[in-house]
Structures are given as structure tokens and as C-alpha cells.
Amino acid sequence: MLPSLDLTPPRRRARPAQAGDRHRHGQGHGRRQRRPPRRLAGLLACALVSLLAVTAGAAGGNVLKPWLGAGDQAAAPWHVVGLPRQAKPFTQFRVVALEGERVLRVEADQSYGNLVMAVPPDTAAHSLSWRWRLDEANAQADLRRKDGDDSALKVCAFFDEPLSAVPFVERQLLRMARGLSSEPLPAATVCYVWDSRLAPGTTLVNAFTRRVRLIVLRGPESPLHRWHTEQRDIVADYMRLFGDETDSAPPLMGVGLGGDADNTHGRSLGHLADLSLQ
């Protein structure tokens, strides 16, 4: 809320009229109130306009911090997260130069891992956009099977769905997983994937857990080595995928991106840029 600025000057007590006093509008009238100096009024008005501009800019800005740091590692607060007690290799995330710009390289080689960032609990932003390109697909991947459950590229939104909304058996499994993890595990995750087998628009449940649900945005028809731009309403997509459990979208916990090739023992390579949440 913006502070109110009262430009009205304080009143002065009128002096009783005395004989000989001259009044521009005749005798018997009190002294006129002095107007605030024009310079002061102008400065206050400029301050108000500046405050409005700053507030509007903050409201419409990107909630996510840039991952581009000084070196080739993603900058904090972005950090890599794996499975609880993960022993397999981690997917590699590197900031690299590609065609004249610095982008994020995602390389999976029999590995698993996600690059994630938490967001404030009162985040109201829901428009998620990014650019991505696939440079090397994993031909063995098939998201419909556990032994093929690998994604060359994915961007995910993590929601803090109340445990009371999660079905009983899944709720107990989630509690067990949270007990093993040092990271806060979301109760509901929406992932947008680039798949080399399924058609765009396909929706499915993760082969290992119903707490992760997927939307295929790019399929085998999308050419390799070419940038594509995406923009999604994550709240609408959450309701589309998890509307059977709740009537409204819960708070957003964070955003993540990644690629994995641990179930197929394969390899994939892709790049991401310009990730924004507004």
C-alpha cells in the first residue's frame, strides 16, 4: 500500500481585525491561508510518481534469480538436488557460451539431477516462460515405463499441496520420502518435458509416483539444434493435472529444471535460457 501524502498546510489562527488593517477583499475577513511552496509540492509529486513506478516494476518483474554467475556454475540460490541418498551420477549443469550468448547446458549421462530454486511462500506469479533446445536425444527413453522414465529436458513447478488432499497411500509414501530427504519435497509437481517419442500435448503420470505429472510440450517433430520458446500458466496446468484432488491451486514452492538418463543408462544433451516467472 502506498503512503498517503497530505499536501495541505497547517492552519494558522486568524488574528483579530484591527483598525487600519488593509484587506485585499475588504475588512472583516481573516487572513488567507498560505499555499505550500510550489517547489515543495513539485518535489512531493515527483516522489509519489517515482514510488508508483518502482512498485509497479517490482510487481511485474521476474521472481526467479538469474542462474548466470561469474563462472560456469549456476549462481545461488540455484542448487542441484538429487534423489534421497543418491549414489548414481548427477546430471551436469554448466553455464556455457553458445551462438553468442550464455546459456545453461544440461548434460545427462546415466545420471539424475535437478537444478532448483525456492520461491517466497506468497508468490502470486503464475506465468512461466523459457527457451530451450535439444541437441542430443535419448532414443531409449519412454516415459510410460519405469525402465524408460528419462527426460532429456524438463522444466518443473513445485506446489505445496496440503497433505490432507493427497490420497492416503501416497500420503504415507510422501511422508517416508520427506524423512529421507534434506530438501523440502513438494506434494505435487507439474513438469513440462521435451520427449523424443510422445506427441506434444500428451499428459501422463510419472511412472514411479503420482505426485509428479507431466505435459509433453515438444516431441519428435521438433528439430534438434534449434531454439523454441515456451510460456505456460502453471496454475491452470496444475488444476488440469491435479484438479481431481483439490478445488484450487496451493502455494508455489519453487521451480526446477533438469534432464536424466539413469533408468535407460543412456545419454542426452540440451540447453535452456531466459527462464522467467511473472
C-alpha atoms as a PDB file:
ATOM      1  CA  MET A   1       0.000   0.000   0.000  1.00  0.00           C
ATOM      2  CA  LEU A   2       1.337   3.436  -0.892  1.00  0.00           C
ATOM      3  CA  PRO A   3       1.674   6.034   1.885  1.00  0.00           C
ATOM      4  CA  SER A   4      -0.755   8.939   1.613  1.00  0.00           C
ATOM      5  CA  LEU A   5       0.813  12.354   1.121  1.00  0.00           C
ATOM      6  CA  ASP A   6      -1.142  15.250   2.625  1.00  0.00           C
ATOM      7  CA  LEU A   7      -0.134  18.465   0.835  1.00  0.00           C
ATOM      8  CA  THR A   8      -2.476  20.689   2.860  1.00  0.00           C
ATOM      9  CA  PRO A   9      -0.503  23.186   5.003  1.00  0.00           C
ATOM     10  CA  PRO A  10      -1.373  23.555   8.720  1.00  0.00           C
ATOM     11  CA  ARG A  11      -3.949  26.205   9.586  1.00  0.00           C
ATOM     12  CA  ARG A  12      -2.984  29.356  11.430  1.00  0.00           C
ATOM     13  CA  ARG A  13      -5.262  31.050  13.970  1.00  0.00           C
ATOM     14  CA  ALA A  14      -6.683  34.243  12.498  1.00  0.00           C
ATOM     15  CA  ARG A  15      -5.592  37.476  14.194  1.00  0.00           C
ATOM     16  CA  PRO A  16      -8.484  39.741  15.272  1.00  0.00           C
ATOM     17  CA  ALA A  17      -9.001  42.578  12.845  1.00  0.00           C
ATOM     18  CA  GLN A  18      -7.630  45.878  13.972  1.00  0.00           C
ATOM     19  CA  ALA A  19      -8.311  49.374  12.853  1.00  0.00           C
ATOM     20  CA  GLY A  20      -6.131  50.373   9.957  1.00  0.00           C
ATOM     21  CA  ASP A  21      -5.655  46.856   8.709  1.00  0.00           C
ATOM     22  CA  ARG A  22      -5.803  46.585   4.970  1.00  0.00           C
ATOM     23  CA  HIS A  23      -7.504  43.598   3.419  1.00  0.00           C
ATOM     24  CA  ARG A  24      -7.466  42.928  -0.263  1.00  0.00           C
ATOM     25  CA  HIS A  25     -11.058  41.715  -0.209  1.00  0.00           C
ATOM     26  CA  GLY A  26     -12.419  44.191   2.316  1.00  0.00           C
ATOM     27  CA  GLN A  27     -12.467  44.483   6.083  1.00  0.00           C
ATOM     28  CA  GLY A  28     -13.742  41.833   8.482  1.00  0.00           C
ATOM     29  CA  HIS A  29     -12.135  38.814   6.725  1.00  0.00           C
ATOM     30  CA  GLY A  30      -9.446  36.604   8.357  1.00  0.00           C
ATOM     31  CA  ARG A  31      -6.013  36.250   6.815  1.00  0.00           C
ATOM     32  CA  ARG A  32      -5.794  33.964   3.771  1.00  0.00           C
ATOM     33  CA  GLN A  33      -4.105  30.546   4.187  1.00  0.00           C
ATOM     34  CA  ARG A  34      -0.666  30.388   2.697  1.00  0.00           C
ATOM     35  CA  ARG A  35      -0.189  27.950  -0.170  1.00  0.00           C
ATOM     36  CA  PRO A  36       2.652  25.419   0.045  1.00  0.00           C
ATOM     37  CA  PRO A  37       5.699  26.499  -1.909  1.00  0.00           C
ATOM     38  CA  ARG A  38       5.454  25.309  -5.485  1.00  0.00           C
ATOM     39  CA  ARG A  39       8.911  23.724  -5.292  1.00  0.00           C
ATOM     40  CA  LEU A  40       7.944  21.587  -2.265  1.00  0.00           C
ATOM     41  CA  ALA A  41       4.693  20.477  -3.873  1.00  0.00           C
ATOM     42  CA  GLY A  42       6.563  19.570  -7.050  1.00  0.00           C
ATOM     43  CA  LEU A  43       9.144  17.507  -5.168  1.00  0.00           C
ATOM     44  CA  LEU A  44       6.450  15.610  -3.301  1.00  0.00           C
ATOM     45  CA  ALA A  45       4.576  14.897  -6.507  1.00  0.00           C
ATOM     46  CA  CYS A  46       7.763  13.607  -8.173  1.00  0.00           C
ATOM     47  CA  ALA A  47       8.443  11.366  -5.176  1.00  0.00           C
ATOM     48  CA  LEU A  48       4.962   9.889  -5.409  1.00  0.00           C
ATOM     49  CA  VAL A  49       5.329   9.212  -9.129  1.00  0.00           C
ATOM     50  CA  SER A  50       8.718   7.551  -8.555  1.00  0.00           C
ATOM     51  CA  LEU A  51       7.299   5.365  -5.787  1.00  0.00           C
ATOM     52  CA  LEU A  52       4.463   4.263  -8.023  1.00  0.00           C
ATOM     53  CA  ALA A  53       6.897   3.395 -10.809  1.00  0.00           C
ATOM     54  CA  VAL A  54       9.153   1.364  -8.516  1.00  0.00           C
ATOM     55  CA  THR A  55       6.193  -0.526  -7.051  1.00  0.00           C
ATOM     56  CA  ALA A  56       4.771  -1.319 -10.478  1.00  0.00           C
ATOM     57  CA  GLY A  57       8.155  -2.524 -11.740  1.00  0.00           C
ATOM     58  CA  ALA A  58       8.671  -4.811  -8.761  1.00  0.00           C
ATOM     59  CA  ALA A  59       5.186  -6.292  -9.151  1.00  0.00           C
ATOM     60  CA  GLY A  60       5.761  -7.225 -12.780  1.00  0.00           C
ATOM     61  CA  GLY A  61       9.376  -8.438 -12.562  1.00  0.00           C
ATOM     62  CA  ASN A  62      10.879 -11.893 -12.756  1.00  0.00           C
ATOM     63  CA  VAL A  63      10.535 -13.747  -9.444  1.00  0.00           C
ATOM     64  CA  LEU A  64      13.427 -16.076 -10.324  1.00  0.00           C
ATOM     65  CA  LYS A  65      17.047 -15.134  -9.802  1.00  0.00           C
ATOM     66  CA  PRO A  66      19.350 -15.471 -12.819  1.00  0.00           C
ATOM     67  CA  TRP A  67      21.408 -18.645 -12.871  1.00  0.00           C
ATOM     68  CA  LEU A  68      24.235 -16.943 -14.772  1.00  0.00           C
ATOM     69  CA  GLY A  69      27.209 -16.479 -12.461  1.00  0.00           C
ATOM     70  CA  ALA A  70      30.792 -15.373 -12.896  1.00  0.00           C
ATOM     71  CA  GLY A  71      31.999 -18.865 -13.854  1.00  0.00           C
ATOM     72  CA  ASP A  72      30.446 -21.949 -15.383  1.00  0.00           C
ATOM     73  CA  GLN A  73      28.467 -22.934 -12.281  1.00  0.00           C
ATOM     74  CA  ALA A  74      24.866 -21.858 -11.779  1.00  0.00           C
ATOM     75  CA  ALA A  75      24.653 -18.950  -9.336  1.00  0.00           C
ATOM     76  CA  ALA A  76      22.968 -19.189  -5.930  1.00  0.00           C
ATOM     77  CA  PRO A  77      20.236 -19.630  -4.836  1.00  0.00           C
ATOM     78  CA  TRP A  78      20.033 -22.178  -7.659  1.00  0.00           C
ATOM     79  CA  HIS A  79      21.401 -25.533  -6.499  1.00  0.00           C
ATOM     80  CA  VAL A  80      21.474 -29.159  -7.647  1.00  0.00           C
ATOM     81  CA  VAL A  81      19.166 -31.668  -5.980  1.00  0.00           C
ATOM     82  CA  GLY A  82      19.145 -35.439  -6.494  1.00  0.00           C
ATOM     83  CA  LEU A  83      17.299 -38.404  -5.085  1.00  0.00           C
ATOM     84  CA  PRO A  84      17.457 -39.168  -1.357  1.00  0.00           C
ATOM     85  CA  ARG A  85      20.806 -40.856  -0.676  1.00  0.00           C
ATOM     86  CA  GLN A  86      21.656 -40.785  -4.385  1.00  0.00           C
ATOM     87  CA  ALA A  87      24.650 -42.932  -5.332  1.00  0.00           C
ATOM     88  CA  LYS A  88      24.316 -42.669  -9.128  1.00  0.00           C
ATOM     89  CA  PRO A  89      25.986 -39.820 -11.076  1.00  0.00           C
ATOM     90  CA  PHE A  90      24.447 -36.353 -11.024  1.00  0.00           C
ATOM     91  CA  THR A  91      23.320 -34.605 -14.185  1.00  0.00           C
ATOM     92  CA  GLN A  92      25.770 -31.859 -15.122  1.00  0.00           C
ATOM     93  CA  PHE A  93      24.639 -28.230 -15.291  1.00  0.00           C
ATOM     94  CA  ARG A  94      27.062 -25.721 -16.815  1.00  0.00           C
ATOM     95  CA  VAL A  95      26.814 -22.111 -17.934  1.00  0.00           C
ATOM     96  CA  VAL A  96      28.357 -22.051 -21.419  1.00  0.00           C
ATOM     97  CA  ALA A  97      28.690 -19.797 -24.442  1.00  0.00           C
ATOM     98  CA  LEU A  98      26.526 -20.893 -27.362  1.00  0.00           C
ATOM     99  CA  GLU A  99      25.996 -18.889 -30.544  1.00  0.00           C
ATOM    100  CA  GLY A 100      26.999 -15.632 -28.909  1.00  0.00           C
ATOM    101  CA  GLU A 101      25.030 -15.918 -25.642  1.00  0.00           C
ATOM    102  CA  ARG A 102      25.500 -17.520 -22.241  1.00  0.00           C
ATOM    103  CA  VAL A 103      23.038 -20.326 -21.628  1.00  0.00           C
ATOM    104  CA  LEU A 104      22.609 -23.325 -19.354  1.00  0.00           C
ATOM    105  CA  ARG A 105      23.899 -26.666 -20.648  1.00  0.00           C
ATOM    106  CA  VAL A 106      22.098 -29.772 -19.315  1.00  0.00           C
ATOM    107  CA  GLU A 107      24.031 -32.996 -19.880  1.00  0.00           C
ATOM    108  CA  ALA A 108      22.717 -36.323 -18.629  1.00  0.00           C
ATOM    109  CA  ASP A 109      24.913 -39.424 -18.871  1.00  0.00           C
ATOM    110  CA  GLN A 110      23.388 -42.363 -16.971  1.00  0.00           C
ATOM    111  CA  SER A 111      22.604 -39.701 -14.374  1.00  0.00           C
ATOM    112  CA  TYR A 112      19.866 -37.917 -12.453  1.00  0.00           C
ATOM    113  CA  GLY A 113      19.567 -34.409 -11.024  1.00  0.00           C
ATOM    114  CA  ASN A 114      17.590 -31.185 -10.996  1.00  0.00           C
ATOM    115  CA  LEU A 115      18.642 -27.554 -10.688  1.00  0.00           C
ATOM    116  CA  VAL A 116      16.112 -25.922  -8.364  1.00  0.00           C
ATOM    117  CA  MET A 117      15.254 -22.618  -6.726  1.00  0.00           C
ATOM    118  CA  ALA A 118      12.743 -21.980  -3.948  1.00  0.00           C
ATOM    119  CA  VAL A 119      10.356 -19.023  -4.205  1.00  0.00           C
ATOM    120  CA  PRO A 120       8.757 -16.937  -1.410  1.00  0.00           C
ATOM    121  CA  PRO A 121       5.597 -18.587   0.002  1.00  0.00           C
ATOM    122  CA  ASP A 122       3.410 -15.629  -1.004  1.00  0.00           C
ATOM    123  CA  THR A 123       4.463 -15.737  -4.670  1.00  0.00           C
ATOM    124  CA  ALA A 124       1.445 -14.969  -6.856  1.00  0.00           C
ATOM    125  CA  ALA A 125       3.262 -15.153 -10.208  1.00  0.00           C
ATOM    126  CA  HIS A 126       1.966 -17.912 -12.454  1.00  0.00           C
ATOM    127  CA  SER A 127       3.303 -17.243 -15.976  1.00  0.00           C
ATOM    128  CA  LEU A 128       6.394 -19.383 -16.569  1.00  0.00           C
ATOM    129  CA  SER A 129       8.388 -18.875 -19.770  1.00  0.00           C
ATOM    130  CA  TRP A 130      11.724 -20.058 -21.162  1.00  0.00           C
ATOM    131  CA  ARG A 131      13.679 -21.020 -24.273  1.00  0.00           C
ATOM    132  CA  TRP A 132      15.154 -24.462 -24.839  1.00  0.00           C
ATOM    133  CA  ARG A 133      16.809 -26.600 -27.475  1.00  0.00           C
ATOM    134  CA  LEU A 134      17.558 -30.302 -27.655  1.00  0.00           C
ATOM    135  CA  ASP A 135      20.912 -31.219 -29.133  1.00  0.00           C
ATOM    136  CA  GLU A 136      21.120 -34.932 -28.388  1.00  0.00           C
ATOM    137  CA  ALA A 137      18.022 -37.031 -27.725  1.00  0.00           C
ATOM    138  CA  ASN A 138      17.855 -40.214 -25.658  1.00  0.00           C
ATOM    139  CA  ALA A 139      16.366 -42.747 -28.068  1.00  0.00           C
ATOM    140  CA  GLN A 140      15.736 -45.317 -25.308  1.00  0.00           C
ATOM    141  CA  ALA A 141      13.524 -43.014 -23.235  1.00  0.00           C
ATOM    142  CA  ASP A 142       9.842 -43.917 -22.822  1.00  0.00           C
ATOM    143  CA  LEU A 143       8.031 -42.011 -20.080  1.00  0.00           C
ATOM    144  CA  ARG A 144       5.260 -44.603 -19.969  1.00  0.00           C
ATOM    145  CA  ARG A 145       7.588 -47.238 -18.452  1.00  0.00           C
ATOM    146  CA  LYS A 146       9.806 -47.290 -15.375  1.00  0.00           C
ATOM    147  CA  ASP A 147      12.808 -48.581 -17.307  1.00  0.00           C
ATOM    148  CA  GLY A 148      12.353 -45.756 -19.830  1.00  0.00           C
ATOM    149  CA  ASP A 149      11.448 -42.942 -17.427  1.00  0.00           C
ATOM    150  CA  ASP A 150      14.061 -40.386 -18.539  1.00  0.00           C
ATOM    151  CA  SER A 151      13.680 -36.843 -19.898  1.00  0.00           C
ATOM    152  CA  ALA A 152      16.321 -35.076 -21.931  1.00  0.00           C
ATOM    153  CA  LEU A 153      14.929 -31.690 -20.866  1.00  0.00           C
ATOM    154  CA  LYS A 154      12.266 -30.713 -18.357  1.00  0.00           C
ATOM    155  CA  VAL A 155      11.072 -27.621 -16.523  1.00  0.00           C
ATOM    156  CA  CYS A 156       9.007 -28.177 -13.364  1.00  0.00           C
ATOM    157  CA  ALA A 157       6.820 -26.223 -10.935  1.00  0.00           C
ATOM    158  CA  PHE A 158       6.623 -27.460  -7.320  1.00  0.00           C
ATOM    159  CA  PHE A 159       3.391 -26.935  -5.370  1.00  0.00           C
ATOM    160  CA  ASP A 160       2.788 -27.167  -1.621  1.00  0.00           C
ATOM    161  CA  GLU A 161      -0.397 -29.174  -1.836  1.00  0.00           C
ATOM    162  CA  PRO A 162      -1.838 -29.920   1.633  1.00  0.00           C
ATOM    163  CA  LEU A 163      -1.253 -33.477   2.785  1.00  0.00           C
ATOM    164  CA  SER A 164      -4.974 -33.745   3.519  1.00  0.00           C
ATOM    165  CA  ALA A 165      -5.604 -33.512  -0.237  1.00  0.00           C
ATOM    166  CA  VAL A 166      -3.172 -36.324  -1.072  1.00  0.00           C
ATOM    167  CA  PRO A 167      -4.675 -39.848  -1.240  1.00  0.00           C
ATOM    168  CA  PHE A 168      -3.915 -41.954   1.832  1.00  0.00           C
ATOM    169  CA  VAL A 169      -1.332 -44.412   0.445  1.00  0.00           C
ATOM    170  CA  GLU A 170       0.538 -41.689  -1.464  1.00  0.00           C
ATOM    171  CA  ARG A 171       0.467 -39.518   1.649  1.00  0.00           C
ATOM    172  CA  GLN A 172       2.292 -42.184   3.678  1.00  0.00           C
ATOM    173  CA  LEU A 173       4.876 -42.706   0.920  1.00  0.00           C
ATOM    174  CA  LEU A 174       5.447 -38.952   0.715  1.00  0.00           C
ATOM    175  CA  ARG A 175       5.992 -38.757   4.470  1.00  0.00           C
ATOM    176  CA  MET A 176       8.590 -41.518   4.246  1.00  0.00           C
ATOM    177  CA  ALA A 177      10.370 -39.775   1.366  1.00  0.00           C
ATOM    178  CA  ARG A 178      10.407 -36.467   3.255  1.00  0.00           C
ATOM    179  CA  GLY A 179      12.011 -38.230   6.190  1.00  0.00           C
ATOM    180  CA  LEU A 180      14.885 -39.354   3.968  1.00  0.00           C
ATOM    181  CA  SER A 181      15.447 -36.056   2.153  1.00  0.00           C
ATOM    182  CA  SER A 182      17.269 -32.932   3.286  1.00  0.00           C
ATOM    183  CA  GLU A 183      15.267 -30.918   0.753  1.00  0.00           C
ATOM    184  CA  PRO A 184      11.609 -29.920   1.165  1.00  0.00           C
ATOM    185  CA  LEU A 185       9.738 -32.331  -1.101  1.00  0.00           C
ATOM    186  CA  PRO A 186       6.611 -30.950  -2.790  1.00  0.00           C
ATOM    187  CA  ALA A 187       3.347 -32.853  -2.636  1.00  0.00           C
ATOM    188  CA  ALA A 188       2.541 -32.007  -6.252  1.00  0.00           C
ATOM    189  CA  THR A 189       4.849 -31.342  -9.207  1.00  0.00           C
ATOM    190  CA  VAL A 190       3.978 -30.270 -12.739  1.00  0.00           C
ATOM    191  CA  CYS A 191       6.731 -30.969 -15.279  1.00  0.00           C
ATOM    192  CA  TYR A 192       6.963 -29.797 -18.871  1.00  0.00           C
ATOM    193  CA  VAL A 193       9.092 -32.195 -20.886  1.00  0.00           C
ATOM    194  CA  TRP A 194      10.767 -32.455 -24.260  1.00  0.00           C
ATOM    195  CA  ASP A 195      10.312 -36.064 -25.369  1.00  0.00           C
ATOM    196  CA  SER A 196      11.597 -37.880 -28.434  1.00  0.00           C
ATOM    197  CA  ARG A 197       8.696 -40.345 -28.560  1.00  0.00           C
ATOM    198  CA  LEU A 198       5.379 -38.793 -27.425  1.00  0.00           C
ATOM    199  CA  ALA A 199       3.389 -36.140 -29.272  1.00  0.00           C
ATOM    200  CA  PRO A 200       3.044 -32.563 -27.947  1.00  0.00           C
ATOM    201  CA  GLY A 201       0.012 -32.149 -25.699  1.00  0.00           C
ATOM    202  CA  THR A 202       0.339 -35.623 -24.184  1.00  0.00           C
ATOM    203  CA  THR A 203      -0.286 -35.679 -20.418  1.00  0.00           C
ATOM    204  CA  LEU A 204       0.711 -38.567 -18.190  1.00  0.00           C
ATOM    205  CA  VAL A 205       1.590 -39.529 -14.650  1.00  0.00           C
ATOM    206  CA  ASN A 206       5.190 -40.248 -13.709  1.00  0.00           C
ATOM    207  CA  ALA A 207       5.971 -43.960 -13.883  1.00  0.00           C
ATOM    208  CA  PHE A 208       7.213 -44.029 -10.281  1.00  0.00           C
ATOM    209  CA  THR A 209       4.898 -41.632  -8.446  1.00  0.00           C
ATOM    210  CA  ARG A 210       1.554 -39.950  -8.975  1.00  0.00           C
ATOM    211  CA  ARG A 211       2.892 -36.885  -7.167  1.00  0.00           C
ATOM    212  CA  VAL A 212       4.640 -35.894 -10.431  1.00  0.00           C
ATOM    213  CA  ARG A 213       2.542 -35.317 -13.542  1.00  0.00           C
ATOM    214  CA  LEU A 214       3.820 -34.423 -16.983  1.00  0.00           C
ATOM    215  CA  ILE A 215       2.883 -32.392 -20.043  1.00  0.00           C
ATOM    216  CA  VAL A 216       4.797 -33.030 -23.256  1.00  0.00           C
ATOM    217  CA  LEU A 217       5.483 -29.708 -24.984  1.00  0.00           C
ATOM    218  CA  ARG A 218       7.950 -30.843 -27.652  1.00  0.00           C
ATOM    219  CA  GLY A 219       8.007 -34.190 -29.408  1.00  0.00           C
ATOM    220  CA  PRO A 220       9.844 -35.969 -32.219  1.00  0.00           C
ATOM    221  CA  GLU A 221       8.583 -33.423 -34.758  1.00  0.00           C
ATOM    222  CA  SER A 222      10.698 -30.631 -33.217  1.00  0.00           C
ATOM    223  CA  PRO A 223      14.104 -30.344 -34.926  1.00  0.00           C
ATOM    224  CA  LEU A 224      17.315 -30.615 -32.936  1.00  0.00           C
ATOM    225  CA  HIS A 225      19.795 -27.736 -32.511  1.00  0.00           C
ATOM    226  CA  ARG A 226      17.048 -25.108 -32.766  1.00  0.00           C
ATOM    227  CA  TRP A 227      15.684 -22.819 -30.046  1.00  0.00           C
ATOM    228  CA  HIS A 228      11.999 -22.965 -29.137  1.00  0.00           C
ATOM    229  CA  THR A 229      10.116 -20.595 -26.829  1.00  0.00           C
ATOM    230  CA  GLU A 230       7.513 -21.718 -24.276  1.00  0.00           C
ATOM    231  CA  GLN A 231       5.075 -19.903 -21.993  1.00  0.00           C
ATOM    232  CA  ARG A 232       2.744 -21.671 -19.575  1.00  0.00           C
ATOM    233  CA  ASP A 233       0.161 -20.744 -16.954  1.00  0.00           C
ATOM    234  CA  ILE A 234       1.351 -23.066 -14.190  1.00  0.00           C
ATOM    235  CA  VAL A 235      -1.783 -22.582 -12.074  1.00  0.00           C
ATOM    236  CA  ALA A 236      -4.050 -23.581 -14.965  1.00  0.00           C
ATOM    237  CA  ASP A 237      -1.824 -26.567 -15.709  1.00  0.00           C
ATOM    238  CA  TYR A 238      -1.829 -27.598 -12.048  1.00  0.00           C
ATOM    239  CA  MET A 239      -5.619 -27.569 -11.990  1.00  0.00           C
ATOM    240  CA  ARG A 240      -5.683 -29.521 -15.218  1.00  0.00           C
ATOM    241  CA  LEU A 241      -3.454 -32.266 -13.818  1.00  0.00           C
ATOM    242  CA  PHE A 242      -4.311 -32.238 -10.096  1.00  0.00           C
ATOM    243  CA  GLY A 243      -7.891 -30.946 -10.186  1.00  0.00           C
ATOM    244  CA  ASP A 244      -9.098 -34.373  -9.059  1.00  0.00           C
ATOM    245  CA  GLU A 245      -7.539 -33.700  -5.634  1.00  0.00           C
ATOM    246  CA  THR A 246      -8.311 -30.046  -4.896  1.00  0.00           C
ATOM    247  CA  ASP A 247     -10.534 -27.171  -5.969  1.00  0.00           C
ATOM    248  CA  SER A 248      -7.789 -24.528  -6.002  1.00  0.00           C
ATOM    249  CA  ALA A 249      -4.070 -24.313  -6.621  1.00  0.00           C
ATOM    250  CA  PRO A 250      -1.877 -24.387  -3.485  1.00  0.00           C
ATOM    251  CA  PRO A 251       1.119 -22.060  -2.962  1.00  0.00           C
ATOM    252  CA  LEU A 252       4.089 -22.446  -5.282  1.00  0.00           C
ATOM    253  CA  MET A 253       7.223 -23.766  -3.534  1.00  0.00           C
ATOM    254  CA  GLY A 254       9.781 -23.451  -6.281  1.00  0.00           C
ATOM    255  CA  VAL A 255      10.864 -24.089  -9.841  1.00  0.00           C
ATOM    256  CA  GLY A 256      13.288 -26.672 -11.188  1.00  0.00           C
ATOM    257  CA  LEU A 257      14.796 -27.855 -14.439  1.00  0.00           C
ATOM    258  CA  GLY A 258      16.802 -30.851 -15.427  1.00  0.00           C
ATOM    259  CA  GLY A 259      17.467 -33.897 -17.522  1.00  0.00           C
ATOM    260  CA  ASP A 260      18.048 -37.523 -16.571  1.00  0.00           C
ATOM    261  CA  ALA A 261      19.212 -40.758 -18.196  1.00  0.00           C
ATOM    262  CA  ASP A 262      19.595 -43.076 -15.209  1.00  0.00           C
ATOM    263  CA  ASN A 263      16.812 -45.568 -15.985  1.00  0.00           C
ATOM    264  CA  THR A 264      17.791 -46.101 -19.618  1.00  0.00           C
ATOM    265  CA  HIS A 265      21.541 -45.878 -18.918  1.00  0.00           C
ATOM    266  CA  GLY A 266      21.630 -43.519 -21.878  1.00  0.00           C
ATOM    267  CA  ARG A 267      22.737 -40.006 -22.645  1.00  0.00           C
ATOM    268  CA  SER A 268      21.149 -36.686 -23.660  1.00  0.00           C
ATOM    269  CA  LEU A 269      22.206 -33.080 -24.135  1.00  0.00           C
ATOM    270  CA  GLY A 270      20.211 -29.846 -24.244  1.00  0.00           C
ATOM    271  CA  HIS A 271      20.298 -26.141 -23.384  1.00  0.00           C
ATOM    272  CA  LEU A 272      17.973 -23.673 -21.628  1.00  0.00           C
ATOM    273  CA  ALA A 273      17.813 -19.876 -21.472  1.00  0.00           C
ATOM    274  CA  ASP A 274      15.655 -16.956 -20.346  1.00  0.00           C
ATOM    275  CA  LEU A 275      13.710 -18.743 -17.603  1.00  0.00           C
ATOM    276  CA  SER A 276      11.193 -16.294 -16.140  1.00  0.00           C
ATOM    277  CA  LEU A 277       8.300 -16.435 -13.656  1.00  0.00           C
ATOM    278  CA  GLN A 278       5.975 -13.417 -13.637  1.00  0.00           C
END
